[in-house]
N, C-alpha and C. Protein backbone atom coordinates (compact mmCIF):
# COMPACT_ATOMS: atom_id res chain seq x y z
N MET A 1 9.59 0.12 7.06
CA MET A 1 10.40 -0.88 6.23
C MET A 1 10.43 -0.62 4.71
N SER A 2 9.41 -0.31 4.27
CA SER A 2 9.53 0.27 2.59
C SER A 2 10.50 1.49 2.61
N GLY A 3 10.17 2.33 3.38
CA GLY A 3 11.09 3.38 3.38
C GLY A 3 12.55 3.14 3.51
N PHE A 4 12.88 2.29 4.48
CA PHE A 4 14.35 1.81 4.66
C PHE A 4 14.76 1.06 3.49
N LEU A 5 13.97 0.32 2.79
CA LEU A 5 14.53 -0.41 1.52
C LEU A 5 14.71 0.42 0.43
N VAL A 6 13.96 1.50 0.29
CA VAL A 6 13.97 2.58 -0.85
C VAL A 6 15.23 3.42 -0.48
N SER A 7 15.45 3.81 0.77
CA SER A 7 16.52 4.67 1.02
C SER A 7 17.97 3.95 0.82
N ARG A 8 17.95 2.69 0.92
CA ARG A 8 19.16 1.92 0.94
C ARG A 8 19.55 1.27 -0.58
N SER A 9 18.62 1.68 -1.44
CA SER A 9 18.81 1.00 -2.68
C SER A 9 19.53 1.83 -3.94
N VAL A 10 19.74 2.98 -3.48
CA VAL A 10 20.36 3.90 -4.36
C VAL A 10 21.80 3.52 -4.58
N THR A 11 22.58 3.05 -3.47
CA THR A 11 24.00 2.59 -3.69
C THR A 11 24.05 1.37 -4.44
N PRO A 12 23.19 0.27 -4.20
CA PRO A 12 23.24 -0.97 -5.13
C PRO A 12 23.06 -0.73 -6.63
N LEU A 13 22.11 0.33 -6.78
CA LEU A 13 21.66 0.58 -8.15
C LEU A 13 22.92 1.35 -8.92
N ILE A 14 23.50 2.25 -8.25
CA ILE A 14 24.84 2.80 -8.72
C ILE A 14 25.81 1.80 -8.99
N GLY A 15 26.10 0.81 -7.95
CA GLY A 15 27.03 -0.21 -8.20
C GLY A 15 26.77 -1.02 -9.43
N ALA A 16 25.45 -1.58 -9.52
CA ALA A 16 25.16 -2.31 -10.67
C ALA A 16 25.50 -1.45 -12.02
N LEU A 17 25.29 -0.21 -12.12
CA LEU A 17 25.45 0.53 -13.19
C LEU A 17 26.91 0.64 -13.55
N LEU A 18 27.62 0.81 -12.51
CA LEU A 18 29.09 0.85 -12.86
C LEU A 18 29.74 -0.53 -13.33
N VAL A 19 29.12 -1.55 -12.83
CA VAL A 19 29.75 -2.88 -13.27
C VAL A 19 29.32 -3.08 -14.69
N ALA A 20 27.99 -2.69 -15.06
CA ALA A 20 27.54 -2.82 -16.49
C ALA A 20 28.23 -1.89 -17.21
N ALA A 21 28.59 -0.77 -16.80
CA ALA A 21 29.28 0.19 -17.77
C ALA A 21 30.83 -0.33 -17.87
N ALA A 22 31.68 -1.00 -16.69
CA ALA A 22 32.88 -1.36 -16.92
C ALA A 22 32.97 -2.59 -17.70
N SER A 23 31.88 -3.35 -18.05
CA SER A 23 31.88 -4.46 -18.89
C SER A 23 31.72 -4.05 -20.31
N GLU A 24 30.99 -2.71 -20.54
CA GLU A 24 30.98 -2.41 -21.82
C GLU A 24 32.28 -1.61 -22.36
N LEU A 25 33.00 -1.05 -21.36
CA LEU A 25 34.09 -0.26 -21.69
C LEU A 25 35.21 -1.14 -21.98
N ASP A 26 35.36 -2.30 -21.05
CA ASP A 26 36.36 -3.25 -21.39
C ASP A 26 35.73 -4.72 -21.73
N GLN A 27 35.49 -4.73 -22.92
CA GLN A 27 34.70 -6.07 -23.66
C GLN A 27 35.66 -7.13 -23.62
N ARG A 28 36.77 -7.20 -23.47
CA ARG A 28 37.84 -8.13 -23.64
C ARG A 28 37.98 -8.92 -22.23
N SER A 29 37.53 -8.26 -21.31
CA SER A 29 37.63 -8.90 -19.76
C SER A 29 36.61 -9.89 -19.60
N ALA A 30 36.83 -11.03 -19.37
CA ALA A 30 36.04 -12.16 -19.13
C ALA A 30 35.35 -12.13 -17.80
N VAL A 31 36.11 -11.75 -16.90
CA VAL A 31 35.79 -11.64 -15.35
C VAL A 31 34.63 -10.39 -15.36
N MET A 32 34.85 -9.38 -15.93
CA MET A 32 33.79 -8.30 -15.89
C MET A 32 32.54 -8.78 -16.68
N ALA A 33 32.89 -9.47 -17.71
CA ALA A 33 31.65 -9.85 -18.46
C ALA A 33 30.74 -10.76 -17.69
N GLN A 34 31.43 -11.73 -16.98
CA GLN A 34 30.54 -12.57 -15.99
C GLN A 34 29.92 -11.72 -14.84
N ARG A 35 30.77 -10.86 -14.27
CA ARG A 35 30.05 -10.08 -13.24
C ARG A 35 28.86 -9.38 -13.74
N SER A 36 29.03 -8.75 -14.84
CA SER A 36 27.89 -7.78 -15.49
C SER A 36 26.88 -8.77 -15.91
N ALA A 37 26.94 -9.90 -16.18
CA ALA A 37 25.98 -10.82 -16.66
C ALA A 37 25.06 -11.39 -15.43
N LEU A 38 25.87 -11.73 -14.36
CA LEU A 38 25.22 -12.06 -13.12
C LEU A 38 24.27 -10.82 -12.54
N LEU A 39 25.05 -9.70 -12.30
CA LEU A 39 24.35 -8.46 -11.93
C LEU A 39 23.11 -8.29 -12.75
N ARG A 40 23.07 -8.26 -14.11
CA ARG A 40 21.89 -7.94 -14.90
C ARG A 40 20.79 -8.86 -14.68
N ARG A 41 21.29 -10.22 -14.44
CA ARG A 41 20.16 -11.23 -14.09
C ARG A 41 19.34 -10.77 -12.65
N LEU A 42 20.40 -10.50 -11.86
CA LEU A 42 19.85 -10.12 -10.46
C LEU A 42 18.98 -8.87 -10.53
N ALA A 43 19.38 -7.99 -11.25
CA ALA A 43 18.77 -6.68 -11.45
C ALA A 43 17.30 -6.87 -12.01
N THR A 44 17.20 -7.92 -12.82
CA THR A 44 15.65 -8.27 -13.45
C THR A 44 14.75 -8.63 -12.12
N TRP A 45 15.27 -9.56 -11.23
CA TRP A 45 14.46 -9.85 -10.27
C TRP A 45 14.38 -8.89 -9.07
N VAL A 46 15.26 -7.94 -8.91
CA VAL A 46 15.17 -6.66 -8.13
C VAL A 46 14.06 -5.52 -8.50
N ALA A 47 14.05 -5.68 -9.96
CA ALA A 47 13.25 -4.67 -10.40
C ALA A 47 11.76 -5.14 -10.40
N ILE A 48 11.67 -6.57 -10.45
CA ILE A 48 10.35 -7.18 -10.23
C ILE A 48 9.84 -6.94 -8.81
N GLY A 49 10.80 -7.10 -7.91
CA GLY A 49 10.54 -7.07 -6.43
C GLY A 49 9.96 -5.64 -6.05
N TYR A 50 10.70 -4.75 -6.61
CA TYR A 50 10.11 -3.33 -6.38
C TYR A 50 8.85 -3.15 -6.98
N LEU A 51 8.42 -3.55 -8.01
CA LEU A 51 7.26 -3.43 -8.57
C LEU A 51 6.27 -4.19 -7.88
N LEU A 52 6.46 -5.24 -7.37
CA LEU A 52 5.61 -6.05 -6.46
C LEU A 52 5.42 -5.19 -4.94
N LEU A 53 6.48 -4.77 -4.68
CA LEU A 53 6.41 -4.03 -3.39
C LEU A 53 5.36 -2.73 -3.28
N ILE A 54 5.14 -2.36 -4.33
CA ILE A 54 4.19 -1.16 -4.48
C ILE A 54 2.73 -1.49 -3.99
N PRO A 55 1.93 -2.64 -4.47
CA PRO A 55 0.71 -3.00 -3.79
C PRO A 55 0.88 -3.35 -2.31
N VAL A 56 2.18 -3.92 -2.00
CA VAL A 56 2.19 -4.50 -0.65
C VAL A 56 2.25 -3.13 0.28
N GLN A 57 2.77 -2.18 -0.19
CA GLN A 57 3.05 -0.92 0.67
C GLN A 57 1.71 -0.26 0.68
N ILE A 58 1.03 -0.21 -0.33
CA ILE A 58 -0.40 0.51 -0.10
C ILE A 58 -1.27 -0.41 0.79
N TYR A 59 -1.18 -1.84 0.56
CA TYR A 59 -2.07 -2.68 1.36
C TYR A 59 -1.62 -2.42 2.90
N ALA A 60 -0.41 -2.61 3.11
CA ALA A 60 0.04 -2.60 4.54
C ALA A 60 -0.43 -1.25 5.24
N GLY A 61 -0.13 -0.02 4.42
CA GLY A 61 -0.32 1.33 5.11
C GLY A 61 -1.92 1.41 5.44
N VAL A 62 -2.81 1.21 4.40
CA VAL A 62 -4.08 1.31 4.68
C VAL A 62 -4.45 0.29 5.80
N LYS A 63 -4.15 -0.73 5.68
CA LYS A 63 -4.37 -1.89 6.88
C LYS A 63 -4.12 -1.25 8.18
N LEU A 64 -2.89 -0.79 8.39
CA LEU A 64 -2.50 -0.17 9.80
C LEU A 64 -3.40 0.92 10.19
N LEU A 65 -3.82 1.69 9.24
CA LEU A 65 -4.32 2.87 9.63
C LEU A 65 -5.91 2.44 9.97
N ARG A 66 -6.43 1.40 9.28
CA ARG A 66 -7.84 0.99 9.73
C ARG A 66 -7.81 0.34 10.93
N GLU A 67 -6.56 -0.35 11.23
CA GLU A 67 -6.71 -1.04 12.48
C GLU A 67 -6.58 -0.17 13.74
N GLN A 68 -5.87 1.19 13.40
CA GLN A 68 -6.07 2.07 14.51
C GLN A 68 -7.43 2.92 14.51
N GLN A 69 -8.03 2.94 13.42
CA GLN A 69 -9.41 3.38 13.61
C GLN A 69 -10.32 2.45 14.23
N GLN A 70 -10.42 1.25 13.93
CA GLN A 70 -11.08 0.21 14.69
C GLN A 70 -10.83 0.11 16.08
N ASN A 71 -9.38 0.19 16.54
CA ASN A 71 -9.15 0.12 17.95
C ASN A 71 -9.69 1.30 18.71
N ALA A 72 -9.69 2.55 18.02
CA ALA A 72 -10.55 3.66 18.64
C ALA A 72 -11.72 3.65 18.97
N ALA A 73 -12.45 2.93 17.70
CA ALA A 73 -13.93 2.73 17.71
C ALA A 73 -14.23 1.87 18.70
N GLN A 74 -13.45 0.70 18.99
CA GLN A 74 -13.74 -0.18 19.98
C GLN A 74 -13.82 0.48 21.23
N GLN A 75 -12.68 0.96 21.78
CA GLN A 75 -12.66 1.78 23.02
C GLN A 75 -13.79 2.76 23.28
N LEU A 76 -14.23 3.28 22.26
CA LEU A 76 -15.40 4.38 22.32
C LEU A 76 -16.62 3.52 22.51
N SER A 77 -16.71 2.51 21.86
CA SER A 77 -17.94 1.45 22.11
C SER A 77 -17.82 0.85 23.46
N GLN A 78 -16.84 0.61 23.92
CA GLN A 78 -16.79 -0.08 25.37
C GLN A 78 -17.13 1.13 26.48
N ALA A 79 -16.77 2.17 26.15
CA ALA A 79 -17.02 3.37 26.89
C ALA A 79 -18.54 3.66 27.18
N ARG A 80 -19.25 3.63 25.82
CA ARG A 80 -20.60 3.69 25.77
C ARG A 80 -21.28 2.66 26.72
N LEU A 81 -20.89 1.43 26.44
CA LEU A 81 -21.43 0.28 27.05
C LEU A 81 -21.36 0.50 28.51
N ALA A 82 -20.22 0.96 28.93
CA ALA A 82 -20.03 1.06 30.35
C ALA A 82 -20.94 2.26 31.01
N MET A 83 -21.03 3.26 30.03
CA MET A 83 -22.06 4.32 30.62
C MET A 83 -23.33 3.84 30.75
N GLU A 84 -23.82 2.96 29.86
CA GLU A 84 -25.22 2.33 29.86
C GLU A 84 -25.16 1.56 31.22
N ALA A 85 -24.12 0.71 31.32
CA ALA A 85 -24.33 -0.12 32.73
C ALA A 85 -24.24 0.68 33.96
N ILE A 86 -23.71 1.79 33.97
CA ILE A 86 -23.74 2.62 35.08
C ILE A 86 -25.10 3.17 35.25
N GLN A 87 -25.67 3.66 34.14
CA GLN A 87 -26.98 4.22 34.24
C GLN A 87 -28.12 3.11 34.86
N ALA A 88 -27.71 2.05 34.26
CA ALA A 88 -28.90 0.85 34.60
C ALA A 88 -28.66 0.41 35.91
N SER A 89 -27.41 0.65 36.77
CA SER A 89 -26.96 -0.06 38.15
C SER A 89 -27.97 0.41 39.16
N THR A 90 -28.39 -0.61 40.00
CA THR A 90 -29.52 -0.20 41.18
C THR A 90 -28.81 -0.36 42.48
N THR A 91 -27.60 -1.04 42.46
CA THR A 91 -26.94 -1.38 43.75
C THR A 91 -25.34 -0.85 43.72
N ASP A 92 -24.93 -0.61 44.74
CA ASP A 92 -23.57 -0.39 44.96
C ASP A 92 -22.58 -1.41 44.13
N LEU A 93 -22.66 -2.59 44.31
CA LEU A 93 -21.93 -3.57 43.58
C LEU A 93 -22.21 -3.51 42.02
N GLN A 94 -23.35 -3.26 41.61
CA GLN A 94 -23.44 -3.13 40.04
C GLN A 94 -22.84 -1.78 39.63
N LEU A 95 -22.87 -0.91 40.51
CA LEU A 95 -22.06 0.27 39.97
C LEU A 95 -20.67 0.31 39.84
N ARG A 96 -19.95 -0.36 40.79
CA ARG A 96 -18.67 -0.73 40.77
C ARG A 96 -18.26 -1.78 39.68
N ARG A 97 -19.08 -2.67 39.47
CA ARG A 97 -18.76 -3.47 38.31
C ARG A 97 -18.92 -2.88 36.99
N ALA A 98 -19.91 -1.92 36.82
CA ALA A 98 -20.06 -1.16 35.61
C ALA A 98 -18.90 -0.27 35.44
N TYR A 99 -18.52 0.34 36.56
CA TYR A 99 -17.38 1.49 36.66
C TYR A 99 -15.99 0.58 36.05
N GLU A 100 -15.76 -0.60 36.42
CA GLU A 100 -14.59 -1.21 36.19
C GLU A 100 -14.65 -1.47 34.55
N ARG A 101 -15.63 -1.49 33.84
CA ARG A 101 -15.82 -1.77 32.54
C ARG A 101 -15.30 -0.43 31.71
N ILE A 102 -15.07 0.73 32.32
CA ILE A 102 -14.62 1.71 31.75
C ILE A 102 -13.22 1.52 31.22
N PRO A 103 -12.95 1.84 29.97
CA PRO A 103 -11.57 1.48 29.31
C PRO A 103 -10.47 2.57 29.85
N GLY A 104 -9.25 2.32 29.99
CA GLY A 104 -8.33 3.29 30.28
C GLY A 104 -7.96 3.24 31.85
N GLY A 105 -7.10 4.00 32.26
CA GLY A 105 -6.87 4.35 33.70
C GLY A 105 -7.84 5.14 34.40
N LYS A 106 -8.13 4.75 35.60
CA LYS A 106 -9.21 5.42 36.39
C LYS A 106 -9.01 5.18 37.93
N ALA A 107 -9.35 6.19 38.73
CA ALA A 107 -9.05 5.93 40.08
C ALA A 107 -10.22 5.09 40.65
N PRO A 108 -9.89 4.11 41.60
CA PRO A 108 -10.96 3.23 42.11
C PRO A 108 -12.07 4.16 43.00
N LEU A 109 -13.19 3.64 42.91
CA LEU A 109 -14.25 4.24 43.63
C LEU A 109 -14.01 3.95 45.19
N PRO A 110 -14.29 5.10 45.92
CA PRO A 110 -13.81 5.00 47.38
C PRO A 110 -14.86 4.14 48.20
N GLU A 111 -14.59 3.47 49.25
CA GLU A 111 -15.55 2.75 50.13
C GLU A 111 -15.68 3.35 51.45
N PRO A 112 -16.80 3.60 51.79
CA PRO A 112 -18.07 3.42 51.04
C PRO A 112 -18.24 4.59 50.02
N LEU A 113 -19.15 4.62 49.23
CA LEU A 113 -19.45 5.94 48.30
C LEU A 113 -19.70 7.13 49.09
N PRO A 114 -19.02 8.26 48.75
CA PRO A 114 -19.14 9.29 49.40
C PRO A 114 -20.45 10.18 49.13
N VAL A 115 -21.21 9.79 48.19
CA VAL A 115 -22.63 10.60 47.79
C VAL A 115 -23.53 9.41 47.58
N PRO A 116 -24.84 9.71 47.52
CA PRO A 116 -25.74 8.76 47.06
C PRO A 116 -25.69 8.18 45.93
N LEU A 117 -26.02 6.82 45.63
CA LEU A 117 -25.84 6.19 44.27
C LEU A 117 -26.39 6.94 43.31
N ASN A 118 -27.74 7.50 43.09
CA ASN A 118 -28.04 8.29 42.09
C ASN A 118 -27.14 9.48 41.68
N THR A 119 -26.89 10.18 42.82
CA THR A 119 -25.86 11.48 42.45
C THR A 119 -24.58 10.94 41.94
N LEU A 120 -24.16 9.98 42.34
CA LEU A 120 -22.80 9.46 41.86
C LEU A 120 -22.93 9.02 40.50
N LYS A 121 -24.04 8.26 40.32
CA LYS A 121 -24.33 7.69 38.81
C LYS A 121 -24.47 8.94 37.90
N ALA A 122 -25.30 9.97 38.19
CA ALA A 122 -25.44 11.20 37.26
C ALA A 122 -23.98 11.92 37.13
N ARG A 123 -23.16 11.96 38.07
CA ARG A 123 -21.78 12.67 37.97
C ARG A 123 -20.94 11.80 36.94
N LEU A 124 -21.01 10.46 37.27
CA LEU A 124 -19.96 9.58 36.40
C LEU A 124 -20.60 9.59 34.87
N VAL A 125 -21.87 9.47 34.73
CA VAL A 125 -22.29 9.53 33.39
C VAL A 125 -22.05 11.10 32.60
N GLU A 126 -22.28 12.05 33.38
CA GLU A 126 -21.76 13.30 32.80
C GLU A 126 -20.47 13.45 32.54
N ALA A 127 -19.51 13.10 33.37
CA ALA A 127 -17.99 13.11 33.14
C ALA A 127 -17.61 12.26 32.00
N MET A 128 -18.34 10.97 32.04
CA MET A 128 -17.83 9.99 30.85
C MET A 128 -18.51 10.54 29.48
N ASP A 129 -19.53 11.21 29.66
CA ASP A 129 -20.10 11.67 28.10
C ASP A 129 -19.24 12.80 27.65
N ALA A 130 -18.72 13.85 28.62
CA ALA A 130 -17.82 14.81 28.27
C ALA A 130 -16.40 14.24 27.73
N ARG A 131 -16.09 13.27 28.46
CA ARG A 131 -14.79 12.70 28.01
C ARG A 131 -14.85 11.84 26.72
N SER A 132 -15.86 11.28 26.47
CA SER A 132 -16.03 10.49 25.32
C SER A 132 -16.11 11.46 24.20
N LYS A 133 -16.75 12.46 24.30
CA LYS A 133 -16.91 13.49 23.06
C LYS A 133 -15.51 14.11 22.74
N LYS A 134 -14.85 14.34 23.99
CA LYS A 134 -13.57 15.01 23.74
C LYS A 134 -12.55 13.83 22.93
N ALA A 135 -12.47 12.74 23.48
CA ALA A 135 -11.87 11.70 23.00
C ALA A 135 -12.25 11.33 21.37
N GLN A 136 -13.50 11.52 20.96
CA GLN A 136 -14.01 11.46 19.71
C GLN A 136 -13.38 12.39 18.77
N TYR A 137 -13.44 13.66 19.24
CA TYR A 137 -12.95 14.91 18.55
C TYR A 137 -11.40 14.70 18.36
N GLU A 138 -10.82 14.41 19.46
CA GLU A 138 -9.12 14.52 19.24
C GLU A 138 -8.76 13.31 18.42
N PHE A 139 -9.88 12.05 18.44
CA PHE A 139 -9.11 10.97 17.61
C PHE A 139 -9.52 11.29 16.09
N ASP A 140 -10.67 12.07 15.82
CA ASP A 140 -11.01 12.45 14.53
C ASP A 140 -9.90 13.26 13.73
N GLN A 141 -9.39 14.37 14.74
CA GLN A 141 -8.52 15.15 14.25
C GLN A 141 -7.08 14.44 14.10
N ARG A 142 -6.80 13.58 14.98
CA ARG A 142 -5.50 12.85 14.76
C ARG A 142 -5.55 11.85 13.64
N LEU A 143 -6.72 11.33 13.51
CA LEU A 143 -6.65 10.23 12.29
C LEU A 143 -6.78 11.05 11.07
N SER A 144 -7.23 12.25 11.00
CA SER A 144 -7.30 13.08 9.53
C SER A 144 -5.74 13.52 9.38
N THR A 145 -5.15 13.84 10.36
CA THR A 145 -3.74 14.34 10.20
C THR A 145 -2.81 12.97 9.93
N LEU A 146 -3.18 11.91 10.37
CA LEU A 146 -2.52 10.72 10.26
C LEU A 146 -2.60 10.17 8.63
N TRP A 147 -3.96 10.23 8.33
CA TRP A 147 -4.05 9.87 6.85
C TRP A 147 -3.37 10.89 5.89
N GLN A 148 -3.44 12.15 5.94
CA GLN A 148 -2.67 13.08 5.29
C GLN A 148 -1.21 12.66 5.15
N ARG A 149 -0.57 12.43 6.44
CA ARG A 149 0.79 12.19 6.40
C ARG A 149 1.19 10.95 5.82
N SER A 150 0.29 10.03 5.90
CA SER A 150 0.48 8.69 5.54
C SER A 150 0.50 8.51 4.15
N LEU A 151 -0.46 9.21 3.41
CA LEU A 151 -0.74 9.36 2.08
C LEU A 151 0.54 10.17 1.49
N ALA A 152 0.91 11.18 2.00
CA ALA A 152 2.17 11.75 1.50
C ALA A 152 3.36 10.79 1.58
N LEU A 153 3.47 10.04 2.57
CA LEU A 153 4.59 9.20 2.76
C LEU A 153 4.48 7.99 1.72
N LEU A 154 3.18 7.70 1.55
CA LEU A 154 2.91 6.51 0.58
C LEU A 154 3.14 6.83 -0.69
N LEU A 155 2.72 8.16 -1.16
CA LEU A 155 3.01 8.45 -2.58
C LEU A 155 4.51 8.65 -2.89
N GLY A 156 5.15 9.31 -1.97
CA GLY A 156 6.72 9.27 -2.02
C GLY A 156 7.38 8.08 -2.15
N ASN A 157 7.03 7.06 -1.49
CA ASN A 157 7.59 5.79 -1.43
C ASN A 157 7.23 5.14 -2.72
N VAL A 158 5.96 5.16 -3.12
CA VAL A 158 5.57 4.59 -4.57
C VAL A 158 6.42 5.17 -5.68
N LEU A 159 6.49 6.53 -5.67
CA LEU A 159 7.29 7.23 -6.71
C LEU A 159 8.67 6.67 -6.65
N ARG A 160 9.40 6.58 -5.59
CA ARG A 160 10.80 6.19 -5.47
C ARG A 160 10.97 4.72 -5.77
N MET A 161 9.97 3.75 -5.47
CA MET A 161 9.87 2.59 -6.02
C MET A 161 9.81 2.40 -7.63
N LEU A 162 9.09 3.34 -8.19
CA LEU A 162 9.00 3.29 -9.63
C LEU A 162 10.21 3.71 -10.27
N ILE A 163 10.92 4.57 -9.62
CA ILE A 163 12.18 5.10 -10.18
C ILE A 163 13.25 3.92 -10.12
N LEU A 164 13.21 3.30 -8.82
CA LEU A 164 14.21 2.17 -8.65
C LEU A 164 13.88 0.93 -9.62
N PHE A 165 12.44 0.80 -9.81
CA PHE A 165 12.12 -0.19 -10.88
C PHE A 165 12.63 0.04 -12.08
N VAL A 166 12.43 1.40 -12.69
CA VAL A 166 12.92 1.62 -13.91
C VAL A 166 14.36 1.55 -14.09
N GLY A 167 15.25 2.03 -13.01
CA GLY A 167 16.47 1.69 -12.82
C GLY A 167 17.14 0.42 -13.08
N PHE A 168 16.68 -0.29 -12.29
CA PHE A 168 17.11 -1.94 -12.33
C PHE A 168 16.42 -2.56 -13.64
N ALA A 169 15.33 -2.26 -14.03
CA ALA A 169 14.71 -2.74 -15.28
C ALA A 169 15.67 -2.40 -16.55
N ALA A 170 16.30 -1.26 -16.34
CA ALA A 170 17.08 -0.77 -17.60
C ALA A 170 18.38 -1.46 -17.59
N LEU A 171 18.68 -2.13 -16.51
CA LEU A 171 19.86 -2.91 -16.50
C LEU A 171 19.65 -4.39 -16.69
N GLY A 172 18.45 -4.97 -16.28
CA GLY A 172 18.15 -6.30 -16.10
C GLY A 172 17.95 -6.86 -17.18
N ARG A 173 18.67 -7.93 -17.81
CA ARG A 173 18.40 -8.96 -18.72
C ARG A 173 18.65 -10.26 -18.45
N SER A 174 18.06 -11.29 -19.15
CA SER A 174 18.33 -12.59 -18.71
C SER A 174 19.57 -13.20 -19.31
N SER A 175 20.03 -12.78 -20.52
CA SER A 175 21.13 -13.06 -21.17
C SER A 175 21.64 -12.00 -22.02
N ALA A 176 22.98 -12.17 -22.45
CA ALA A 176 23.66 -11.03 -23.21
C ALA A 176 22.98 -10.72 -24.67
N GLY A 177 22.41 -11.75 -25.14
CA GLY A 177 21.55 -11.58 -26.30
C GLY A 177 20.11 -11.01 -26.27
N GLN A 178 19.55 -10.87 -25.06
CA GLN A 178 18.30 -10.65 -24.81
C GLN A 178 18.20 -9.10 -24.56
N PRO A 179 16.96 -8.36 -24.96
CA PRO A 179 16.77 -6.86 -24.36
C PRO A 179 16.72 -6.92 -22.92
N THR A 180 16.73 -5.63 -22.37
CA THR A 180 16.48 -5.40 -20.71
C THR A 180 14.97 -5.64 -20.78
N LEU A 181 14.80 -5.77 -19.32
CA LEU A 181 13.51 -5.77 -18.68
C LEU A 181 12.74 -4.56 -19.13
N LEU A 182 13.10 -3.40 -18.98
CA LEU A 182 12.65 -2.19 -19.39
C LEU A 182 12.14 -2.35 -20.77
N THR A 183 13.08 -2.48 -21.72
CA THR A 183 12.63 -2.71 -23.17
C THR A 183 11.56 -3.73 -23.47
N ARG A 184 11.50 -4.74 -22.84
CA ARG A 184 10.49 -5.69 -23.09
C ARG A 184 9.14 -5.01 -22.62
N VAL A 185 9.24 -4.43 -21.50
CA VAL A 185 7.92 -4.04 -20.77
C VAL A 185 7.37 -2.94 -21.93
N MET A 186 8.17 -1.92 -22.40
CA MET A 186 7.93 -0.89 -23.12
C MET A 186 7.35 -1.41 -24.42
N ASN A 187 7.99 -2.37 -25.08
CA ASN A 187 7.55 -3.17 -26.32
C ASN A 187 6.18 -3.74 -26.09
N ARG A 188 5.93 -4.34 -24.92
CA ARG A 188 4.66 -5.10 -24.88
C ARG A 188 3.50 -4.00 -24.76
N GLN A 189 3.86 -2.90 -23.85
CA GLN A 189 2.74 -1.85 -23.88
C GLN A 189 2.60 -1.35 -25.19
N PHE A 190 3.68 -1.07 -26.12
CA PHE A 190 3.41 -0.41 -27.43
C PHE A 190 2.59 -1.35 -28.17
N ARG A 191 2.89 -2.73 -28.08
CA ARG A 191 2.01 -3.70 -28.99
C ARG A 191 0.68 -3.69 -28.42
N SER A 192 0.39 -3.49 -27.18
CA SER A 192 -0.96 -3.51 -26.51
C SER A 192 -1.74 -2.36 -27.03
N HIS A 193 -1.12 -1.16 -27.16
CA HIS A 193 -1.85 0.01 -27.68
C HIS A 193 -2.17 -0.17 -29.11
N ARG A 194 -1.15 -0.77 -29.88
CA ARG A 194 -1.61 -0.83 -31.37
C ARG A 194 -2.78 -1.89 -31.30
N MET A 195 -2.84 -3.07 -30.60
CA MET A 195 -3.81 -4.02 -30.69
C MET A 195 -5.20 -3.15 -30.36
N ALA A 196 -5.05 -2.48 -29.32
CA ALA A 196 -6.24 -1.80 -28.91
C ALA A 196 -6.91 -0.79 -29.79
N GLY A 197 -6.08 -0.35 -30.82
CA GLY A 197 -6.66 0.65 -31.86
C GLY A 197 -7.54 -0.02 -32.93
N GLY A 198 -7.66 -1.39 -32.95
CA GLY A 198 -8.48 -2.18 -33.78
C GLY A 198 -7.70 -2.37 -35.27
N PHE A 199 -8.34 -3.20 -36.00
CA PHE A 199 -7.80 -3.57 -37.52
C PHE A 199 -8.13 -2.46 -38.43
N ARG A 200 -7.13 -2.01 -39.18
CA ARG A 200 -7.27 -1.06 -40.23
C ARG A 200 -7.86 -1.76 -41.47
N PRO A 201 -8.55 -1.08 -42.42
CA PRO A 201 -9.05 -1.71 -43.69
C PRO A 201 -7.93 -2.54 -44.51
N LYS A 202 -6.77 -1.97 -44.40
CA LYS A 202 -5.63 -2.67 -45.31
C LYS A 202 -5.32 -3.96 -44.55
N ASP A 203 -5.89 -4.13 -43.31
CA ASP A 203 -5.41 -5.42 -42.70
C ASP A 203 -6.36 -6.57 -42.88
N MET A 204 -7.44 -6.18 -43.48
CA MET A 204 -8.60 -7.18 -43.68
C MET A 204 -8.03 -8.33 -44.62
N ALA A 205 -7.20 -8.05 -45.63
CA ALA A 205 -6.80 -9.21 -46.43
C ALA A 205 -6.01 -10.07 -45.67
N ALA A 206 -5.35 -9.64 -44.78
CA ALA A 206 -4.54 -10.49 -44.05
C ALA A 206 -5.37 -11.27 -43.04
N VAL A 207 -6.44 -10.75 -42.44
CA VAL A 207 -7.14 -11.38 -41.69
C VAL A 207 -8.17 -12.31 -42.25
N ILE A 208 -8.96 -12.00 -43.21
CA ILE A 208 -10.04 -12.98 -43.84
C ILE A 208 -9.33 -13.34 -45.23
N PRO A 209 -9.28 -14.70 -45.27
CA PRO A 209 -8.81 -15.42 -46.68
C PRO A 209 -9.55 -15.07 -47.77
N ASP A 210 -8.80 -15.02 -49.05
CA ASP A 210 -9.58 -14.65 -50.25
C ASP A 210 -10.60 -15.52 -50.57
N GLY A 211 -10.55 -16.89 -50.16
CA GLY A 211 -11.51 -17.68 -50.54
C GLY A 211 -12.79 -17.60 -49.72
N TRP A 212 -12.79 -16.87 -48.80
CA TRP A 212 -14.02 -16.80 -47.80
C TRP A 212 -14.94 -15.43 -48.25
N ILE A 213 -14.51 -14.61 -49.28
CA ILE A 213 -15.01 -13.41 -49.79
C ILE A 213 -15.66 -13.84 -51.00
N GLU A 214 -16.93 -13.52 -51.17
CA GLU A 214 -17.99 -13.87 -52.39
C GLU A 214 -17.71 -12.73 -53.41
N GLU A 215 -17.09 -13.08 -54.43
CA GLU A 215 -16.69 -12.11 -55.34
C GLU A 215 -18.14 -11.65 -56.23
N ASP A 216 -18.12 -10.51 -56.68
CA ASP A 216 -19.36 -10.02 -57.75
C ASP A 216 -19.22 -10.43 -59.11
N PRO A 217 -20.00 -11.33 -59.72
CA PRO A 217 -19.68 -11.89 -60.92
C PRO A 217 -19.50 -10.77 -62.04
N CYS A 218 -20.35 -9.45 -61.90
CA CYS A 218 -20.22 -8.36 -62.71
C CYS A 218 -19.00 -7.61 -62.51
N SER A 219 -18.39 -7.90 -61.52
CA SER A 219 -17.21 -6.90 -61.34
C SER A 219 -16.12 -7.28 -62.29
N PRO A 220 -15.18 -6.28 -62.72
CA PRO A 220 -14.06 -6.67 -63.67
C PRO A 220 -13.20 -7.27 -62.87
N ARG A 221 -12.24 -8.25 -63.47
CA ARG A 221 -11.34 -8.80 -62.90
C ARG A 221 -9.94 -8.41 -63.26
């Protein structure tokens, strides 16, 4: 869904840019001015939406991958429990019930059993152990590949979302006299960096009133 939204957003961004440019080229047209003002207000909300979509994309992608990992771990756990039940079975009925607990498709046990109970139990446990190890290995390989592909897709979508955010934020503003959303964001970041640098000595007079500083009586006035 994120990829679909990102791939379909280039055309609206170009359209909004053309409408804003048309309004600047023909400033006497009231119709174009109204359309440009409306699109600029909408562009502000679209830019915020793309910015908020980034954490949603990350959360959804990681959640889906973890759900697949949990489902595979649950199936392997069920297979181990079925194997333990087969080993603990002492009768034909118990063996059949334990056999039905094996996840996935399987052929039914013949009636009556073709070999003695202990022999069949040993064969089933051996086959299930080999199958479980193979399934665990294949799942680990597939999950590793899936994580790599998902991270590449996630980073690509996040980068495109940031580009779309910058594009719409450069156009979006609440009114004609207000700066664009991108300008406000950059100015806020610039001010925060200046505040993080601390106060300089020449700023102390503005911070501490003169009446709070005790003067040295021997100092020249």
